[in-house]
Protein backbone atom coordinates (compact mmCIF):
# COMPACT_ATOMS: atom_id res chain seq x y z
CA UNK A 1 -14.60 21.99 13.86
CA UNK A 2 -13.20 19.85 11.07
CA UNK A 3 -11.83 22.05 8.31
CA UNK A 4 -10.93 21.25 4.74
CA UNK A 5 -7.29 21.88 5.64
CA UNK A 6 -7.46 19.24 8.37
CA UNK A 7 -9.09 16.77 6.00
CA UNK A 8 -6.43 17.44 3.38
CA UNK A 9 -3.63 16.97 5.93
CA UNK A 10 -5.17 13.65 7.03
CA UNK A 11 -5.48 12.53 3.42
CA UNK A 12 -1.78 13.30 2.85
CA UNK A 13 -0.84 11.33 5.98
CA UNK A 14 -2.77 8.31 4.77
CA UNK A 15 -1.26 8.61 1.31
CA UNK A 16 2.27 8.78 2.74
CA UNK A 17 1.53 5.76 4.93
CA UNK A 18 0.27 3.81 1.92
CA UNK A 19 3.39 4.74 -0.06
CA UNK A 20 5.64 3.55 2.78
CA UNK A 21 3.70 0.29 2.96
CA UNK A 22 4.04 -0.22 -0.79
CA UNK A 23 7.79 0.46 -0.62
CA UNK A 24 8.17 -2.07 2.20
CA UNK A 25 6.33 -4.71 0.16
CA UNK A 26 8.68 -4.14 -2.78
CA UNK A 27 11.63 -5.14 -0.59
CA UNK A 28 10.19 -8.67 -0.32
CA UNK A 29 12.02 -11.33 -2.27
CA UNK A 30 10.90 -11.48 -5.90
CA UNK A 31 10.46 -15.26 -5.60
CA UNK A 32 7.94 -14.88 -2.75
CA UNK A 33 6.07 -12.18 -4.63
CA UNK A 34 5.87 -14.36 -7.73
CA UNK A 35 4.54 -17.31 -5.73
CA UNK A 36 1.87 -15.14 -4.13
CA UNK A 37 0.91 -13.73 -7.52
CA UNK A 38 0.49 -17.17 -9.05
CA UNK A 39 -1.58 -18.41 -6.09
CA UNK A 40 -3.90 -15.43 -6.42
CA UNK A 41 -4.21 -15.98 -10.17
CA UNK A 42 -5.25 -19.63 -9.71
CA UNK A 43 -8.11 -18.68 -7.38
CA UNK A 44 -9.87 -16.67 -10.09
C-alpha cells in the first residue's frame, strides 16, 4: 500500500535531487552560462 507518508518522502527525495542538480549547474563557468542564455534567447 502506498501511503501519504511514502509519497511525501519520495517528493522530498526528488526535491533534494533537484536542488543538488541546480547547485551543480551553478558551479559551471559564468561565461558558458551566459553563452547558453544568449543562444536560448535568440531562438525565441
